Amino acid sequence: VTNTTAKGRTFFSQSFLIKYLVDKELEIPQITVIVSNKISKSAVARNRIKRALRDGVHQVIEQIRPATYVLIGKKTAIDKTMLELKQEVLLALQKSKIIKPK
């Protein structure tokens, strides 16, 4: 994760940010989801956010470019529903051009 954050690129969304590092040797994307204790002390709330972010990514996993990705949840994600978070993930992946064009 530290290598990704130091040398990679960052894309900011309202409820999370995506840090990624393109690695030509990778054949499939490596994705990590992080939601800190600072976001919520409740493990249930943190896991709900993680689950929504993962679900959003898994809907388009075949289209994602091979790289190392870290999705980091923000405090604003607590107020969003699972569906809103999934849609935001899809929109962010398209805007950041992480998803390969069809």
C-alpha atoms as a PDB file:
ATOM      1  CA  VAL A   1       0.000   0.000   0.000  1.00  0.00           C
ATOM      2  CA  THR A   2       2.807   2.451   0.818  1.00  0.00           C
ATOM      3  CA  ASN A   3       4.394   1.931  -2.596  1.00  0.00           C
ATOM      4  CA  THR A   4       1.046   2.644  -4.250  1.00  0.00           C
ATOM      5  CA  THR A   5       0.484   5.849  -2.301  1.00  0.00           C
ATOM      6  CA  ALA A   6       4.023   7.150  -2.792  1.00  0.00           C
ATOM      7  CA  LYS A   7       4.419   6.704  -6.554  1.00  0.00           C
ATOM      8  CA  GLY A   8       0.872   6.256  -7.808  1.00  0.00           C
ATOM      9  CA  ARG A   9      -1.926   8.544  -8.917  1.00  0.00           C
ATOM     10  CA  THR A  10      -4.960   9.638  -6.904  1.00  0.00           C
ATOM     11  CA  PHE A  11      -8.560  10.196  -7.939  1.00  0.00           C
ATOM     12  CA  PHE A  12     -10.890  11.951  -5.483  1.00  0.00           C
ATOM     13  CA  SER A  13     -14.569  11.159  -5.183  1.00  0.00           C
ATOM     14  CA  GLN A  14     -17.129  12.519  -2.732  1.00  0.00           C
ATOM     15  CA  SER A  15     -17.212   9.436  -0.480  1.00  0.00           C
ATOM     16  CA  PHE A  16     -13.823   7.834  -1.137  1.00  0.00           C
ATOM     17  CA  LEU A  17     -10.563   8.220  -2.979  1.00  0.00           C
ATOM     18  CA  ILE A  18      -8.803   5.866  -5.330  1.00  0.00           C
ATOM     19  CA  LYS A  19      -5.042   5.566  -5.279  1.00  0.00           C
ATOM     20  CA  TYR A  20      -3.515   3.457  -7.998  1.00  0.00           C
ATOM     21  CA  LEU A  21      -0.188   2.434  -9.427  1.00  0.00           C
ATOM     22  CA  VAL A  22       0.013   0.945 -12.910  1.00  0.00           C
ATOM     23  CA  ASP A  23       2.249  -2.119 -12.998  1.00  0.00           C
ATOM     24  CA  LYS A  24       2.984  -3.587 -16.429  1.00  0.00           C
ATOM     25  CA  GLU A  25       3.761  -6.998 -14.915  1.00  0.00           C
ATOM     26  CA  LEU A  26       0.267  -7.456 -13.454  1.00  0.00           C
ATOM     27  CA  GLU A  27      -2.271  -9.414 -15.472  1.00  0.00           C
ATOM     28  CA  ILE A  28      -5.270  -8.699 -13.233  1.00  0.00           C
ATOM     29  CA  PRO A  29      -6.097  -5.717 -10.992  1.00  0.00           C
ATOM     30  CA  GLN A  30      -5.215  -5.926  -7.298  1.00  0.00           C
ATOM     31  CA  ILE A  31      -7.793  -4.062  -5.228  1.00  0.00           C
ATOM     32  CA  THR A  32      -7.711  -3.159  -1.524  1.00  0.00           C
ATOM     33  CA  VAL A  33     -10.490  -1.363   0.354  1.00  0.00           C
ATOM     34  CA  ILE A  34      -9.662   0.591   3.526  1.00  0.00           C
ATOM     35  CA  VAL A  35     -12.114   2.258   5.897  1.00  0.00           C
ATOM     36  CA  SER A  36     -10.381   3.651   8.981  1.00  0.00           C
ATOM     37  CA  ASN A  37     -11.543   3.745  12.589  1.00  0.00           C
ATOM     38  CA  LYS A  38     -11.565   7.530  12.166  1.00  0.00           C
ATOM     39  CA  ILE A  39     -14.549   7.145   9.840  1.00  0.00           C
ATOM     40  CA  SER A  40     -16.640   5.255  12.387  1.00  0.00           C
ATOM     41  CA  LYS A  41     -15.952   3.406  15.617  1.00  0.00           C
ATOM     42  CA  SER A  42     -18.686   0.944  14.622  1.00  0.00           C
ATOM     43  CA  ALA A  43     -17.317  -2.081  12.756  1.00  0.00           C
ATOM     44  CA  VAL A  44     -20.774  -2.612  11.281  1.00  0.00           C
ATOM     45  CA  ALA A  45     -20.733   0.838   9.641  1.00  0.00           C
ATOM     46  CA  ARG A  46     -17.164   0.409   8.357  1.00  0.00           C
ATOM     47  CA  ASN A  47     -17.904  -3.036   6.928  1.00  0.00           C
ATOM     48  CA  ARG A  48     -21.070  -1.749   5.212  1.00  0.00           C
ATOM     49  CA  ILE A  49     -18.988   0.889   3.428  1.00  0.00           C
ATOM     50  CA  LYS A  50     -16.318  -1.663   2.474  1.00  0.00           C
ATOM     51  CA  ARG A  51     -18.931  -4.071   1.165  1.00  0.00           C
ATOM     52  CA  ALA A  52     -20.564  -1.371  -0.994  1.00  0.00           C
ATOM     53  CA  LEU A  53     -17.213  -0.265  -2.446  1.00  0.00           C
ATOM     54  CA  ARG A  54     -16.211  -3.867  -3.194  1.00  0.00           C
ATOM     55  CA  ASP A  55     -19.586  -4.626  -4.803  1.00  0.00           C
ATOM     56  CA  GLY A  56     -19.265  -1.585  -7.045  1.00  0.00           C
ATOM     57  CA  VAL A  57     -15.809  -2.688  -8.184  1.00  0.00           C
ATOM     58  CA  HIS A  58     -16.838  -6.311  -8.738  1.00  0.00           C
ATOM     59  CA  GLN A  59     -19.625  -5.260 -11.117  1.00  0.00           C
ATOM     60  CA  VAL A  60     -16.994  -4.086 -13.616  1.00  0.00           C
ATOM     61  CA  ILE A  61     -13.914  -6.074 -12.555  1.00  0.00           C
ATOM     62  CA  GLU A  62     -13.387  -7.452 -16.103  1.00  0.00           C
ATOM     63  CA  GLN A  63     -13.103  -3.918 -17.520  1.00  0.00           C
ATOM     64  CA  ILE A  64     -10.626  -2.571 -14.942  1.00  0.00           C
ATOM     65  CA  ARG A  65      -7.065  -2.047 -16.136  1.00  0.00           C
ATOM     66  CA  PRO A  66      -4.396  -4.212 -14.462  1.00  0.00           C
ATOM     67  CA  ALA A  67      -2.863  -2.155 -11.647  1.00  0.00           C
ATOM     68  CA  THR A  68      -2.721  -1.957  -7.857  1.00  0.00           C
ATOM     69  CA  TYR A  69      -5.711  -0.037  -6.471  1.00  0.00           C
ATOM     70  CA  VAL A  70      -6.503   1.213  -2.982  1.00  0.00           C
ATOM     71  CA  LEU A  71      -9.985   2.568  -2.252  1.00  0.00           C
ATOM     72  CA  ILE A  72     -10.010   4.639   0.939  1.00  0.00           C
ATOM     73  CA  GLY A  73     -13.379   5.517   2.461  1.00  0.00           C
ATOM     74  CA  LYS A  74     -14.151   9.063   3.650  1.00  0.00           C
ATOM     75  CA  LYS A  75     -16.434  10.218   6.457  1.00  0.00           C
ATOM     76  CA  THR A  76     -19.121  11.291   3.958  1.00  0.00           C
ATOM     77  CA  ALA A  77     -19.630   7.631   2.965  1.00  0.00           C
ATOM     78  CA  ILE A  78     -21.468   6.940   6.242  1.00  0.00           C
ATOM     79  CA  ASP A  79     -24.497   8.984   5.153  1.00  0.00           C
ATOM     80  CA  LYS A  80     -24.853   7.199   1.790  1.00  0.00           C
ATOM     81  CA  THR A  81     -26.841   4.066   1.023  1.00  0.00           C
ATOM     82  CA  MET A  82     -25.196   0.968  -0.406  1.00  0.00           C
ATOM     83  CA  LEU A  83     -26.751   1.674  -3.815  1.00  0.00           C
ATOM     84  CA  GLU A  84     -25.476   5.280  -3.849  1.00  0.00           C
ATOM     85  CA  LEU A  85     -21.947   4.116  -2.961  1.00  0.00           C
ATOM     86  CA  LYS A  86     -21.970   1.446  -5.694  1.00  0.00           C
ATOM     87  CA  GLN A  87     -23.115   4.001  -8.279  1.00  0.00           C
ATOM     88  CA  GLU A  88     -20.464   6.451  -7.118  1.00  0.00           C
ATOM     89  CA  VAL A  89     -17.787   3.761  -7.535  1.00  0.00           C
ATOM     90  CA  LEU A  90     -18.889   3.083 -11.115  1.00  0.00           C
ATOM     91  CA  LEU A  91     -18.955   6.792 -11.935  1.00  0.00           C
ATOM     92  CA  ALA A  92     -15.532   7.383 -10.365  1.00  0.00           C
ATOM     93  CA  LEU A  93     -13.975   4.472 -12.268  1.00  0.00           C
ATOM     94  CA  GLN A  94     -15.333   5.860 -15.531  1.00  0.00           C
ATOM     95  CA  LYS A  95     -14.235   9.450 -14.841  1.00  0.00           C
ATOM     96  CA  SER A  96     -10.749   8.406 -13.783  1.00  0.00           C
ATOM     97  CA  LYS A  97     -10.469   6.254 -16.966  1.00  0.00           C
ATOM     98  CA  ILE A  98      -9.615   3.197 -14.863  1.00  0.00           C
ATOM     99  CA  ILE A  99     -12.237   1.220 -16.749  1.00  0.00           C
ATOM    100  CA  LYS A 100     -11.046   0.246 -20.219  1.00  0.00           C
ATOM    101  CA  PRO A 101     -13.148   1.746 -22.992  1.00  0.00           C
ATOM    102  CA  LYS A 102     -15.348  -0.810 -24.731  1.00  0.00           C
END
